[in-house]
N, C-alpha and C. Protein backbone atom coordinates (compact mmCIF):
# COMPACT_ATOMS: atom_id res chain seq x y z
N MET A 1 21.44 5.23 103.62
CA MET A 1 21.76 4.12 102.70
C MET A 1 20.68 3.93 101.66
N SER A 2 19.49 4.31 101.92
CA SER A 2 18.37 4.10 100.99
C SER A 2 18.40 5.05 99.83
N GLU A 3 18.97 6.23 99.95
CA GLU A 3 18.95 7.24 98.87
C GLU A 3 19.72 6.80 97.64
N PRO A 4 20.91 6.25 97.80
CA PRO A 4 21.61 5.79 96.60
C PRO A 4 20.83 4.74 95.84
N ARG A 5 20.10 3.88 96.53
CA ARG A 5 19.33 2.86 95.83
C ARG A 5 18.23 3.46 94.98
N ASP A 6 17.62 4.56 95.42
CA ASP A 6 16.54 5.18 94.65
C ASP A 6 17.09 5.82 93.38
N VAL A 7 18.23 6.43 93.43
CA VAL A 7 18.83 7.04 92.23
C VAL A 7 19.13 5.99 91.19
N GLN A 8 19.65 4.89 91.64
CA GLN A 8 19.97 3.81 90.71
C GLN A 8 18.73 3.25 90.07
N SER A 9 17.65 3.17 90.89
CA SER A 9 16.39 2.67 90.35
C SER A 9 15.83 3.59 89.28
N GLU A 10 15.94 4.94 89.52
CA GLU A 10 15.45 5.89 88.52
C GLU A 10 16.26 5.81 87.23
N GLN A 11 17.57 5.61 87.37
CA GLN A 11 18.41 5.47 86.17
C GLN A 11 18.02 4.26 85.34
N ASN A 12 17.67 3.20 86.06
CA ASN A 12 17.27 1.99 85.34
C ASN A 12 15.94 2.17 84.63
N ASP A 13 15.03 3.02 85.20
CA ASP A 13 13.71 3.22 84.59
C ASP A 13 13.75 4.16 83.40
N THR A 14 14.79 4.96 83.25
CA THR A 14 14.89 5.91 82.12
C THR A 14 15.23 5.16 80.82
N VAL A 15 14.45 5.46 79.69
CA VAL A 15 14.65 4.77 78.39
C VAL A 15 15.34 5.70 77.43
N ASP A 16 16.35 5.22 76.77
CA ASP A 16 17.07 6.00 75.75
C ASP A 16 16.19 6.16 74.51
N PRO A 17 15.86 7.41 74.05
CA PRO A 17 14.99 7.62 72.86
C PRO A 17 15.51 6.94 71.61
N GLN A 18 16.78 6.98 71.36
CA GLN A 18 17.34 6.33 70.16
C GLN A 18 17.11 4.84 70.18
N THR A 19 17.28 4.27 71.40
CA THR A 19 17.06 2.84 71.54
C THR A 19 15.62 2.49 71.31
N ASP A 20 14.71 3.38 71.77
CA ASP A 20 13.28 3.15 71.61
C ASP A 20 12.87 3.22 70.13
N ALA A 21 13.41 4.16 69.37
CA ALA A 21 13.09 4.30 67.94
C ALA A 21 13.54 3.09 67.15
N GLN A 22 14.71 2.60 67.47
CA GLN A 22 15.21 1.41 66.79
C GLN A 22 14.33 0.21 67.07
N ALA A 23 13.82 0.16 68.33
CA ALA A 23 12.94 -0.95 68.69
C ALA A 23 11.65 -0.89 67.89
N VAL A 24 11.09 0.35 67.69
CA VAL A 24 9.86 0.51 66.90
C VAL A 24 10.09 0.11 65.45
N ASP A 25 11.20 0.58 64.87
CA ASP A 25 11.50 0.23 63.49
C ASP A 25 11.64 -1.27 63.33
N ALA A 26 12.25 -1.88 64.31
CA ALA A 26 12.45 -3.33 64.25
C ALA A 26 11.12 -4.06 64.31
N GLU A 27 10.11 -3.49 65.03
CA GLU A 27 8.81 -4.12 65.12
C GLU A 27 8.02 -3.94 63.82
N GLN A 28 8.15 -2.75 63.15
CA GLN A 28 7.37 -2.46 61.95
C GLN A 28 7.93 -3.15 60.72
N VAL A 29 9.19 -3.38 60.64
CA VAL A 29 9.83 -3.99 59.47
C VAL A 29 10.19 -5.42 59.78
N GLU A 30 9.71 -6.30 58.94
CA GLU A 30 10.05 -7.71 59.10
C GLU A 30 11.47 -7.93 58.62
N VAL A 31 12.30 -8.31 59.52
CA VAL A 31 13.72 -8.44 59.23
C VAL A 31 14.03 -9.88 58.90
N VAL A 32 14.65 -10.06 57.76
CA VAL A 32 15.12 -11.38 57.37
C VAL A 32 16.46 -11.62 58.05
N GLU A 33 16.69 -12.86 58.36
CA GLU A 33 17.94 -13.20 59.03
C GLU A 33 19.13 -12.73 58.21
N GLY A 34 20.02 -11.99 58.84
CA GLY A 34 21.19 -11.45 58.17
C GLY A 34 20.91 -10.16 57.45
N GLU A 35 19.68 -9.53 57.62
CA GLU A 35 19.29 -8.31 56.92
C GLU A 35 19.00 -7.23 57.94
N THR A 36 19.45 -6.04 57.63
CA THR A 36 19.22 -4.92 58.55
C THR A 36 17.82 -4.39 58.37
N PRO A 37 17.26 -3.66 59.31
CA PRO A 37 15.91 -3.07 59.17
C PRO A 37 15.83 -2.14 57.97
N GLU A 38 16.87 -1.37 57.67
CA GLU A 38 16.85 -0.47 56.53
C GLU A 38 16.73 -1.24 55.22
N GLU A 39 17.44 -2.36 55.13
CA GLU A 39 17.37 -3.18 53.93
C GLU A 39 15.99 -3.82 53.76
N ALA A 40 15.41 -4.22 54.87
CA ALA A 40 14.06 -4.80 54.81
C ALA A 40 13.05 -3.78 54.34
N LEU A 41 13.17 -2.52 54.83
CA LEU A 41 12.25 -1.46 54.43
C LEU A 41 12.41 -1.14 52.94
N ALA A 42 13.64 -1.09 52.45
CA ALA A 42 13.89 -0.85 51.04
C ALA A 42 13.31 -1.96 50.18
N GLY A 43 13.37 -3.18 50.67
CA GLY A 43 12.80 -4.31 49.93
C GLY A 43 11.30 -4.20 49.78
N GLU A 44 10.63 -3.73 50.85
CA GLU A 44 9.19 -3.57 50.76
C GLU A 44 8.83 -2.48 49.74
N VAL A 45 9.58 -1.38 49.71
CA VAL A 45 9.33 -0.31 48.74
C VAL A 45 9.49 -0.83 47.31
N VAL A 46 10.51 -1.64 47.07
CA VAL A 46 10.74 -2.22 45.75
C VAL A 46 9.58 -3.12 45.35
N ASP A 47 9.07 -3.92 46.30
CA ASP A 47 7.95 -4.80 46.00
C ASP A 47 6.71 -4.01 45.62
N GLU A 48 6.44 -2.94 46.33
CA GLU A 48 5.28 -2.11 46.02
C GLU A 48 5.42 -1.47 44.63
N THR A 49 6.63 -1.00 44.31
CA THR A 49 6.86 -0.41 42.99
C THR A 49 6.67 -1.44 41.88
N THR A 50 7.15 -2.64 42.11
CA THR A 50 6.99 -3.71 41.12
C THR A 50 5.53 -4.04 40.89
N GLU A 51 4.76 -4.06 41.98
CA GLU A 51 3.33 -4.33 41.84
C GLU A 51 2.63 -3.23 41.06
N LYS A 52 3.00 -1.97 41.32
CA LYS A 52 2.39 -0.85 40.60
C LYS A 52 2.75 -0.91 39.11
N ILE A 53 4.01 -1.24 38.80
CA ILE A 53 4.43 -1.35 37.40
C ILE A 53 3.66 -2.46 36.70
N ALA A 54 3.51 -3.59 37.39
CA ALA A 54 2.77 -4.71 36.80
C ALA A 54 1.31 -4.32 36.55
N SER A 55 0.73 -3.58 37.50
CA SER A 55 -0.66 -3.13 37.34
C SER A 55 -0.79 -2.17 36.16
N LEU A 56 0.17 -1.24 36.04
CA LEU A 56 0.14 -0.29 34.92
C LEU A 56 0.34 -1.00 33.58
N GLU A 57 1.22 -1.97 33.54
CA GLU A 57 1.44 -2.72 32.31
C GLU A 57 0.18 -3.48 31.91
N LYS A 58 -0.52 -4.04 32.89
CA LYS A 58 -1.76 -4.76 32.61
C LYS A 58 -2.81 -3.81 32.05
N ALA A 59 -2.93 -2.63 32.68
CA ALA A 59 -3.89 -1.64 32.19
C ALA A 59 -3.53 -1.17 30.78
N LEU A 60 -2.23 -0.99 30.51
CA LEU A 60 -1.78 -0.58 29.18
C LEU A 60 -2.10 -1.64 28.14
N ALA A 61 -1.88 -2.91 28.48
CA ALA A 61 -2.18 -3.99 27.55
C ALA A 61 -3.67 -4.04 27.23
N ALA A 62 -4.50 -3.83 28.27
CA ALA A 62 -5.95 -3.83 28.04
C ALA A 62 -6.35 -2.66 27.14
N ALA A 63 -5.75 -1.50 27.35
CA ALA A 63 -6.06 -0.33 26.52
C ALA A 63 -5.63 -0.57 25.07
N GLU A 64 -4.45 -1.15 24.88
CA GLU A 64 -3.97 -1.43 23.52
C GLU A 64 -4.88 -2.44 22.82
N ALA A 65 -5.36 -3.44 23.57
CA ALA A 65 -6.27 -4.42 22.98
C ALA A 65 -7.58 -3.76 22.57
N LYS A 66 -8.05 -2.84 23.39
CA LYS A 66 -9.29 -2.12 23.07
C LYS A 66 -9.11 -1.27 21.82
N VAL A 67 -7.99 -0.59 21.72
CA VAL A 67 -7.71 0.23 20.54
C VAL A 67 -7.63 -0.63 19.28
N ALA A 68 -6.95 -1.78 19.40
CA ALA A 68 -6.82 -2.69 18.26
C ALA A 68 -8.20 -3.20 17.82
N GLU A 69 -9.05 -3.50 18.79
CA GLU A 69 -10.40 -3.96 18.47
C GLU A 69 -11.20 -2.89 17.76
N GLN A 70 -11.08 -1.65 18.23
CA GLN A 70 -11.79 -0.55 17.59
C GLN A 70 -11.26 -0.29 16.18
N GLN A 71 -9.93 -0.38 16.01
CA GLN A 71 -9.36 -0.21 14.68
C GLN A 71 -9.86 -1.29 13.73
N ASP A 72 -9.95 -2.52 14.23
CA ASP A 72 -10.45 -3.62 13.40
C ASP A 72 -11.91 -3.37 13.00
N SER A 73 -12.70 -2.86 13.94
CA SER A 73 -14.10 -2.55 13.62
C SER A 73 -14.20 -1.46 12.55
N VAL A 74 -13.33 -0.46 12.67
CA VAL A 74 -13.33 0.63 11.68
C VAL A 74 -12.95 0.09 10.30
N LEU A 75 -11.95 -0.79 10.25
CA LEU A 75 -11.51 -1.36 8.98
C LEU A 75 -12.61 -2.23 8.35
N ARG A 76 -13.30 -3.01 9.19
CA ARG A 76 -14.40 -3.84 8.67
C ARG A 76 -15.52 -2.97 8.13
N ALA A 77 -15.85 -1.90 8.88
CA ALA A 77 -16.91 -1.01 8.42
C ALA A 77 -16.53 -0.34 7.10
N ARG A 78 -15.26 0.05 6.98
CA ARG A 78 -14.80 0.68 5.75
C ARG A 78 -14.84 -0.31 4.59
N ALA A 79 -14.42 -1.56 4.86
CA ALA A 79 -14.46 -2.57 3.80
C ALA A 79 -15.89 -2.86 3.36
N GLU A 80 -16.81 -2.93 4.31
CA GLU A 80 -18.21 -3.17 3.95
C GLU A 80 -18.76 -2.01 3.13
N ALA A 81 -18.39 -0.79 3.51
CA ALA A 81 -18.84 0.37 2.75
C ALA A 81 -18.29 0.34 1.32
N ASP A 82 -17.01 -0.02 1.18
CA ASP A 82 -16.41 -0.11 -0.15
C ASP A 82 -17.09 -1.19 -0.99
N ASN A 83 -17.38 -2.34 -0.35
CA ASN A 83 -18.05 -3.41 -1.09
C ASN A 83 -19.45 -2.99 -1.53
N ALA A 84 -20.15 -2.30 -0.63
CA ALA A 84 -21.49 -1.82 -0.99
C ALA A 84 -21.44 -0.83 -2.15
N ARG A 85 -20.42 0.05 -2.12
CA ARG A 85 -20.28 1.02 -3.20
C ARG A 85 -19.96 0.33 -4.52
N ARG A 86 -19.06 -0.68 -4.46
CA ARG A 86 -18.73 -1.40 -5.69
C ARG A 86 -19.94 -2.16 -6.24
N ARG A 87 -20.72 -2.76 -5.32
CA ARG A 87 -21.92 -3.46 -5.78
C ARG A 87 -22.91 -2.49 -6.44
N ALA A 88 -23.07 -1.33 -5.81
CA ALA A 88 -23.98 -0.33 -6.38
C ALA A 88 -23.48 0.14 -7.75
N ASP A 89 -22.17 0.38 -7.85
CA ASP A 89 -21.61 0.80 -9.14
C ASP A 89 -21.80 -0.29 -10.20
N GLY A 90 -21.62 -1.56 -9.77
CA GLY A 90 -21.81 -2.66 -10.70
C GLY A 90 -23.25 -2.77 -11.19
N GLU A 91 -24.20 -2.57 -10.26
CA GLU A 91 -25.60 -2.62 -10.65
C GLU A 91 -25.95 -1.50 -11.62
N VAL A 92 -25.40 -0.31 -11.35
CA VAL A 92 -25.65 0.82 -12.25
C VAL A 92 -25.07 0.54 -13.64
N GLU A 93 -23.85 -0.03 -13.65
CA GLU A 93 -23.20 -0.34 -14.93
C GLU A 93 -23.99 -1.41 -15.69
N LYS A 94 -24.48 -2.43 -14.95
CA LYS A 94 -25.28 -3.46 -15.60
C LYS A 94 -26.56 -2.88 -16.18
N ALA A 95 -27.20 -2.01 -15.40
CA ALA A 95 -28.44 -1.39 -15.88
C ALA A 95 -28.18 -0.55 -17.13
N ARG A 96 -27.04 0.17 -17.12
CA ARG A 96 -26.71 1.00 -18.29
C ARG A 96 -26.44 0.13 -19.51
N LYS A 97 -25.66 -0.95 -19.31
CA LYS A 97 -25.35 -1.83 -20.43
C LYS A 97 -26.60 -2.53 -20.95
N PHE A 98 -27.48 -2.95 -20.01
CA PHE A 98 -28.69 -3.64 -20.43
C PHE A 98 -29.57 -2.71 -21.27
N ALA A 99 -29.70 -1.46 -20.81
CA ALA A 99 -30.50 -0.50 -21.57
C ALA A 99 -29.89 -0.25 -22.94
N LEU A 100 -28.55 -0.16 -23.00
CA LEU A 100 -27.88 0.09 -24.27
C LEU A 100 -28.00 -1.12 -25.18
N GLU A 101 -27.96 -2.33 -24.62
CA GLU A 101 -28.10 -3.54 -25.42
C GLU A 101 -29.49 -3.62 -26.05
N ARG A 102 -30.49 -3.29 -25.27
CA ARG A 102 -31.85 -3.32 -25.81
C ARG A 102 -32.00 -2.30 -26.95
N PHE A 103 -31.45 -1.12 -26.73
CA PHE A 103 -31.53 -0.09 -27.76
C PHE A 103 -30.79 -0.51 -29.02
N ALA A 104 -29.58 -1.06 -28.83
CA ALA A 104 -28.78 -1.51 -29.97
C ALA A 104 -29.47 -2.66 -30.70
N GLY A 105 -30.08 -3.56 -29.93
CA GLY A 105 -30.79 -4.68 -30.55
C GLY A 105 -31.94 -4.22 -31.43
N GLU A 106 -32.59 -3.13 -31.03
CA GLU A 106 -33.69 -2.61 -31.84
C GLU A 106 -33.19 -1.96 -33.13
N LEU A 107 -31.92 -1.58 -33.18
CA LEU A 107 -31.37 -0.94 -34.38
C LEU A 107 -30.93 -1.95 -35.43
N LEU A 108 -30.66 -3.19 -35.02
CA LEU A 108 -30.14 -4.18 -35.95
C LEU A 108 -31.05 -4.43 -37.15
N PRO A 109 -32.36 -4.56 -36.97
CA PRO A 109 -33.21 -4.76 -38.16
C PRO A 109 -33.12 -3.60 -39.16
N VAL A 110 -32.89 -2.39 -38.66
CA VAL A 110 -32.75 -1.25 -39.56
C VAL A 110 -31.51 -1.43 -40.44
N ILE A 111 -30.41 -1.83 -39.80
CA ILE A 111 -29.17 -2.06 -40.56
C ILE A 111 -29.37 -3.19 -41.56
N ASP A 112 -30.02 -4.28 -41.11
CA ASP A 112 -30.26 -5.41 -42.00
C ASP A 112 -31.07 -4.99 -43.22
N ASN A 113 -32.10 -4.19 -43.02
CA ASN A 113 -32.96 -3.78 -44.14
C ASN A 113 -32.20 -2.88 -45.12
N LEU A 114 -31.37 -2.00 -44.59
CA LEU A 114 -30.58 -1.14 -45.48
C LEU A 114 -29.62 -1.98 -46.32
N GLU A 115 -28.98 -2.98 -45.69
CA GLU A 115 -28.05 -3.83 -46.43
C GLU A 115 -28.79 -4.67 -47.47
N ARG A 116 -29.95 -5.19 -47.13
CA ARG A 116 -30.72 -5.98 -48.10
C ARG A 116 -31.17 -5.11 -49.26
N GLY A 117 -31.56 -3.87 -48.94
CA GLY A 117 -31.98 -2.97 -50.02
C GLY A 117 -30.85 -2.71 -51.00
N LEU A 118 -29.63 -2.54 -50.52
CA LEU A 118 -28.49 -2.32 -51.41
C LEU A 118 -28.16 -3.57 -52.22
N GLN A 119 -28.33 -4.75 -51.61
CA GLN A 119 -28.03 -5.99 -52.32
C GLN A 119 -29.01 -6.23 -53.46
N MET A 120 -30.23 -5.82 -53.26
CA MET A 120 -31.26 -6.06 -54.27
C MET A 120 -31.35 -4.93 -55.31
N ALA A 121 -30.70 -3.82 -55.04
CA ALA A 121 -30.81 -2.68 -55.96
C ALA A 121 -30.07 -2.94 -57.26
N ASP A 122 -30.62 -2.42 -58.33
CA ASP A 122 -29.99 -2.54 -59.65
C ASP A 122 -29.04 -1.35 -59.81
N THR A 123 -27.77 -1.59 -59.55
CA THR A 123 -26.79 -0.51 -59.59
C THR A 123 -26.52 -0.01 -61.01
N GLU A 124 -26.96 -0.77 -62.01
CA GLU A 124 -26.75 -0.37 -63.39
C GLU A 124 -27.85 0.58 -63.87
N ASN A 125 -28.89 0.66 -63.13
CA ASN A 125 -30.01 1.52 -63.52
C ASN A 125 -29.69 2.95 -63.11
N GLU A 126 -29.51 3.79 -64.11
CA GLU A 126 -29.15 5.18 -63.83
C GLU A 126 -30.28 5.94 -63.14
N ALA A 127 -31.50 5.48 -63.30
CA ALA A 127 -32.64 6.19 -62.71
C ALA A 127 -32.64 6.11 -61.19
N ILE A 128 -32.20 4.98 -60.67
CA ILE A 128 -32.23 4.80 -59.20
C ILE A 128 -30.82 4.93 -58.58
N LYS A 129 -29.85 5.22 -59.41
CA LYS A 129 -28.47 5.31 -58.90
C LYS A 129 -28.33 6.37 -57.80
N PRO A 130 -28.91 7.57 -57.94
CA PRO A 130 -28.81 8.54 -56.84
C PRO A 130 -29.43 8.02 -55.54
N MET A 131 -30.54 7.28 -55.68
CA MET A 131 -31.17 6.73 -54.49
C MET A 131 -30.27 5.68 -53.82
N VAL A 132 -29.64 4.84 -54.63
CA VAL A 132 -28.73 3.81 -54.11
C VAL A 132 -27.57 4.46 -53.38
N GLU A 133 -27.02 5.51 -53.98
CA GLU A 133 -25.92 6.22 -53.33
C GLU A 133 -26.36 6.84 -52.01
N GLY A 134 -27.57 7.35 -51.98
CA GLY A 134 -28.08 7.92 -50.72
C GLY A 134 -28.23 6.87 -49.64
N VAL A 135 -28.71 5.67 -50.04
CA VAL A 135 -28.85 4.57 -49.06
C VAL A 135 -27.48 4.13 -48.55
N GLU A 136 -26.51 4.07 -49.44
CA GLU A 136 -25.14 3.69 -49.04
C GLU A 136 -24.58 4.68 -48.04
N MET A 137 -24.77 5.97 -48.29
CA MET A 137 -24.28 7.00 -47.37
C MET A 137 -24.99 6.92 -46.02
N THR A 138 -26.28 6.64 -46.07
CA THR A 138 -27.05 6.50 -44.81
C THR A 138 -26.55 5.31 -44.01
N LEU A 139 -26.31 4.19 -44.69
CA LEU A 139 -25.83 3.00 -44.01
C LEU A 139 -24.45 3.23 -43.39
N LYS A 140 -23.53 3.85 -44.15
CA LYS A 140 -22.20 4.13 -43.62
C LYS A 140 -22.25 5.05 -42.41
N SER A 141 -23.08 6.07 -42.48
CA SER A 141 -23.21 7.00 -41.35
C SER A 141 -23.81 6.30 -40.14
N PHE A 142 -24.78 5.42 -40.40
CA PHE A 142 -25.43 4.69 -39.32
C PHE A 142 -24.43 3.77 -38.62
N VAL A 143 -23.67 3.02 -39.42
CA VAL A 143 -22.69 2.08 -38.84
C VAL A 143 -21.60 2.85 -38.10
N SER A 144 -21.16 3.96 -38.65
CA SER A 144 -20.13 4.77 -37.99
C SER A 144 -20.62 5.29 -36.64
N THR A 145 -21.89 5.64 -36.57
CA THR A 145 -22.45 6.16 -35.32
C THR A 145 -22.51 5.07 -34.25
N ILE A 146 -22.98 3.89 -34.62
CA ILE A 146 -23.11 2.83 -33.60
C ILE A 146 -21.74 2.32 -33.16
N GLU A 147 -20.74 2.39 -34.05
CA GLU A 147 -19.39 1.95 -33.66
C GLU A 147 -18.80 2.87 -32.60
N LYS A 148 -19.21 4.12 -32.56
CA LYS A 148 -18.73 5.04 -31.53
C LYS A 148 -19.17 4.62 -30.14
N PHE A 149 -20.24 3.86 -30.07
CA PHE A 149 -20.77 3.40 -28.79
C PHE A 149 -20.36 1.95 -28.49
N GLY A 150 -19.33 1.46 -29.20
CA GLY A 150 -18.79 0.13 -28.90
C GLY A 150 -19.45 -1.01 -29.64
N MET A 151 -20.24 -0.72 -30.64
CA MET A 151 -20.91 -1.76 -31.39
C MET A 151 -20.10 -2.10 -32.63
N ALA A 152 -19.86 -3.40 -32.86
CA ALA A 152 -19.02 -3.81 -33.99
C ALA A 152 -19.66 -5.00 -34.69
N PRO A 153 -19.60 -5.04 -36.03
CA PRO A 153 -20.19 -6.15 -36.78
C PRO A 153 -19.32 -7.39 -36.73
N ILE A 154 -19.95 -8.54 -36.90
CA ILE A 154 -19.26 -9.83 -36.99
C ILE A 154 -19.55 -10.37 -38.39
N ASP A 155 -18.54 -10.31 -39.25
CA ASP A 155 -18.69 -10.75 -40.65
C ASP A 155 -17.58 -11.76 -40.92
N PRO A 156 -17.80 -13.05 -40.58
CA PRO A 156 -16.71 -14.04 -40.61
C PRO A 156 -16.53 -14.77 -41.94
N GLN A 157 -16.79 -14.12 -43.03
CA GLN A 157 -16.64 -14.78 -44.34
C GLN A 157 -15.23 -15.32 -44.52
N GLY A 158 -15.09 -16.64 -44.77
CA GLY A 158 -13.80 -17.27 -44.99
C GLY A 158 -13.05 -17.61 -43.71
N GLU A 159 -13.60 -17.31 -42.55
CA GLU A 159 -12.94 -17.61 -41.28
C GLU A 159 -13.37 -18.98 -40.75
N ALA A 160 -12.64 -19.46 -39.78
CA ALA A 160 -13.01 -20.72 -39.15
C ALA A 160 -14.27 -20.52 -38.31
N PHE A 161 -15.11 -21.54 -38.29
CA PHE A 161 -16.36 -21.45 -37.55
C PHE A 161 -16.08 -21.36 -36.04
N ASN A 162 -16.72 -20.40 -35.40
CA ASN A 162 -16.58 -20.19 -33.96
C ASN A 162 -17.97 -20.25 -33.33
N PRO A 163 -18.28 -21.32 -32.62
CA PRO A 163 -19.64 -21.46 -32.07
C PRO A 163 -19.99 -20.38 -31.04
N GLU A 164 -18.99 -19.69 -30.51
CA GLU A 164 -19.28 -18.64 -29.55
C GLU A 164 -19.76 -17.35 -30.22
N LEU A 165 -19.43 -17.20 -31.51
CA LEU A 165 -19.80 -15.99 -32.24
C LEU A 165 -20.69 -16.27 -33.46
N HIS A 166 -20.70 -17.52 -33.90
CA HIS A 166 -21.43 -17.85 -35.13
C HIS A 166 -22.52 -18.88 -34.85
N GLN A 167 -23.56 -18.80 -35.65
CA GLN A 167 -24.64 -19.78 -35.59
C GLN A 167 -24.74 -20.45 -36.95
N ALA A 168 -24.45 -21.75 -36.98
CA ALA A 168 -24.44 -22.49 -38.24
C ALA A 168 -25.89 -22.78 -38.67
N MET A 169 -26.30 -22.22 -39.78
CA MET A 169 -27.64 -22.46 -40.30
C MET A 169 -27.68 -23.69 -41.20
N SER A 170 -26.53 -24.01 -41.81
CA SER A 170 -26.46 -25.20 -42.67
C SER A 170 -24.99 -25.56 -42.88
N MET A 171 -24.77 -26.79 -43.37
CA MET A 171 -23.43 -27.25 -43.71
C MET A 171 -23.45 -27.77 -45.14
N GLN A 172 -22.36 -27.54 -45.83
CA GLN A 172 -22.30 -27.94 -47.24
C GLN A 172 -20.92 -28.49 -47.55
N GLU A 173 -20.90 -29.57 -48.32
CA GLU A 173 -19.62 -30.15 -48.72
C GLU A 173 -18.90 -29.18 -49.66
N SER A 174 -17.61 -29.08 -49.46
CA SER A 174 -16.81 -28.19 -50.30
C SER A 174 -15.38 -28.69 -50.38
N ALA A 175 -14.91 -28.79 -51.62
CA ALA A 175 -13.51 -29.18 -51.83
C ALA A 175 -12.61 -27.96 -51.86
N ASP A 176 -13.22 -26.78 -51.91
CA ASP A 176 -12.44 -25.53 -52.00
C ASP A 176 -12.20 -24.89 -50.64
N HIS A 177 -12.80 -25.43 -49.62
CA HIS A 177 -12.66 -24.84 -48.27
C HIS A 177 -12.24 -25.93 -47.28
N GLU A 178 -11.50 -25.51 -46.31
CA GLU A 178 -11.18 -26.42 -45.21
C GLU A 178 -12.46 -26.74 -44.44
N PRO A 179 -12.55 -27.92 -43.85
CA PRO A 179 -13.74 -28.24 -43.05
C PRO A 179 -13.94 -27.22 -41.93
N ASN A 180 -15.21 -26.95 -41.63
CA ASN A 180 -15.58 -25.99 -40.57
C ASN A 180 -15.15 -24.57 -40.90
N THR A 181 -15.20 -24.23 -42.17
CA THR A 181 -14.92 -22.86 -42.61
C THR A 181 -16.24 -22.19 -42.99
N VAL A 182 -16.37 -20.91 -42.67
CA VAL A 182 -17.58 -20.16 -43.01
C VAL A 182 -17.55 -19.87 -44.51
N MET A 183 -18.46 -20.50 -45.24
CA MET A 183 -18.52 -20.33 -46.68
C MET A 183 -19.34 -19.09 -47.06
N ALA A 184 -20.38 -18.82 -46.28
CA ALA A 184 -21.26 -17.68 -46.60
C ALA A 184 -21.87 -17.15 -45.31
N VAL A 185 -22.07 -15.83 -45.32
CA VAL A 185 -22.70 -15.17 -44.18
C VAL A 185 -24.10 -14.76 -44.58
N MET A 186 -25.08 -15.38 -43.98
CA MET A 186 -26.47 -15.08 -44.30
C MET A 186 -26.95 -13.81 -43.58
N GLN A 187 -26.44 -13.62 -42.40
CA GLN A 187 -26.79 -12.41 -41.63
C GLN A 187 -25.62 -12.08 -40.70
N LYS A 188 -25.17 -10.84 -40.73
CA LYS A 188 -24.05 -10.44 -39.88
C LYS A 188 -24.44 -10.49 -38.39
N GLY A 189 -23.43 -10.77 -37.59
CA GLY A 189 -23.63 -10.70 -36.14
C GLY A 189 -23.08 -9.38 -35.63
N TYR A 190 -23.33 -9.10 -34.36
CA TYR A 190 -22.84 -7.84 -33.78
C TYR A 190 -22.42 -8.06 -32.32
N GLU A 191 -21.38 -7.32 -31.93
CA GLU A 191 -20.91 -7.29 -30.55
C GLU A 191 -21.10 -5.88 -30.00
N LEU A 192 -21.29 -5.80 -28.70
CA LEU A 192 -21.42 -4.50 -28.05
C LEU A 192 -20.47 -4.47 -26.86
N ASN A 193 -19.41 -3.66 -27.01
CA ASN A 193 -18.39 -3.55 -25.95
C ASN A 193 -17.81 -4.92 -25.59
N GLY A 194 -17.54 -5.73 -26.62
CA GLY A 194 -16.94 -7.04 -26.40
C GLY A 194 -17.92 -8.12 -25.99
N ARG A 195 -19.19 -7.79 -25.90
CA ARG A 195 -20.20 -8.77 -25.49
C ARG A 195 -21.10 -9.08 -26.70
N LEU A 196 -21.35 -10.37 -26.90
CA LEU A 196 -22.12 -10.80 -28.06
C LEU A 196 -23.55 -10.26 -27.98
N LEU A 197 -23.93 -9.53 -29.01
CA LEU A 197 -25.29 -8.99 -29.09
C LEU A 197 -26.16 -9.89 -29.97
N ARG A 198 -25.58 -10.38 -31.07
CA ARG A 198 -26.28 -11.30 -31.96
C ARG A 198 -25.25 -12.10 -32.72
N PRO A 199 -25.38 -13.45 -32.75
CA PRO A 199 -24.40 -14.25 -33.51
C PRO A 199 -24.62 -14.10 -35.01
N ALA A 200 -23.56 -14.32 -35.75
CA ALA A 200 -23.65 -14.28 -37.20
C ALA A 200 -24.24 -15.61 -37.70
N MET A 201 -25.20 -15.51 -38.60
CA MET A 201 -25.81 -16.71 -39.17
C MET A 201 -25.02 -17.09 -40.43
N VAL A 202 -24.47 -18.30 -40.41
CA VAL A 202 -23.52 -18.66 -41.47
C VAL A 202 -23.78 -20.05 -42.04
N MET A 203 -23.15 -20.28 -43.18
CA MET A 203 -23.10 -21.61 -43.79
C MET A 203 -21.69 -22.13 -43.62
N VAL A 204 -21.55 -23.38 -43.15
CA VAL A 204 -20.24 -23.93 -42.80
C VAL A 204 -19.90 -25.08 -43.76
N SER A 205 -18.63 -25.15 -44.12
CA SER A 205 -18.19 -26.21 -45.04
C SER A 205 -17.87 -27.49 -44.27
N ARG A 206 -17.97 -28.57 -45.00
CA ARG A 206 -17.56 -29.87 -44.45
C ARG A 206 -16.82 -30.64 -45.54
N ALA A 207 -16.06 -31.63 -45.13
CA ALA A 207 -15.28 -32.38 -46.10
C ALA A 207 -16.19 -33.20 -47.02
N PRO A 208 -15.82 -33.32 -48.29
CA PRO A 208 -16.62 -34.14 -49.22
C PRO A 208 -16.70 -35.59 -48.73
N SER A 209 -17.84 -36.20 -48.97
CA SER A 209 -18.03 -37.59 -48.51
C SER A 209 -17.04 -38.52 -49.14
N SER A 210 -16.67 -38.25 -50.42
CA SER A 210 -15.72 -39.10 -51.12
C SER A 210 -14.32 -39.03 -50.54
N GLY A 211 -14.06 -37.92 -49.80
CA GLY A 211 -12.73 -37.74 -49.24
C GLY A 211 -12.61 -38.21 -47.82
N VAL A 212 -13.66 -38.81 -47.31
CA VAL A 212 -13.65 -39.26 -45.91
C VAL A 212 -13.51 -40.75 -45.89
N ASP A 213 -12.57 -41.25 -45.13
CA ASP A 213 -12.35 -42.69 -45.02
C ASP A 213 -13.32 -43.23 -43.96
N THR A 214 -14.43 -43.75 -44.40
CA THR A 214 -15.44 -44.24 -43.47
C THR A 214 -15.07 -45.58 -42.86
N GLN A 215 -14.02 -46.24 -43.42
CA GLN A 215 -13.61 -47.54 -42.89
C GLN A 215 -12.62 -47.41 -41.74
N ALA A 216 -12.14 -46.19 -41.48
CA ALA A 216 -11.14 -46.02 -40.44
C ALA A 216 -11.77 -46.22 -39.08
């Protein structure tokens, strides 16, 4: 009678491998109520993938920010270099213009003397006529040469007085001219490349005293 009991006991002690594997899977995977172990395992894989994607996106954003910062630094450096080059070019241009202005300013008395010599010359005297013609040709050639370098005379005879280009040496009443009109040019002015080199010295008209209503 004892032998059948031992066989039954051995059968009870034997564990089904499939049942054991399912038990292990059930222990390793946290199962949500109403969820199978396979579904729970798939959920964990999805969570890990999401975390990796988030980490990669964060690293990508940091890399893009670094690239943008470096690009901004390059642009600033380039802008500073361009500004430095423009400043250097401006200084060179100023130095060139200043040197040219000084040189041109030294030539003005020569032109003035040639013009005064022609004004005082007796053009009716046949003895000095060849000399006068030579001075006239020299003056024309001289003026033509300086005009090639941007130098231009200011001769405002009959024009309205402009304090930016003219220097009034005196004022005179005149019924033949509008008030503030240049009646006479005592000395021509000159510009160099649009910049005033010397103002013209002029005489300016004013209204006659008899024509001014002092009671107004």
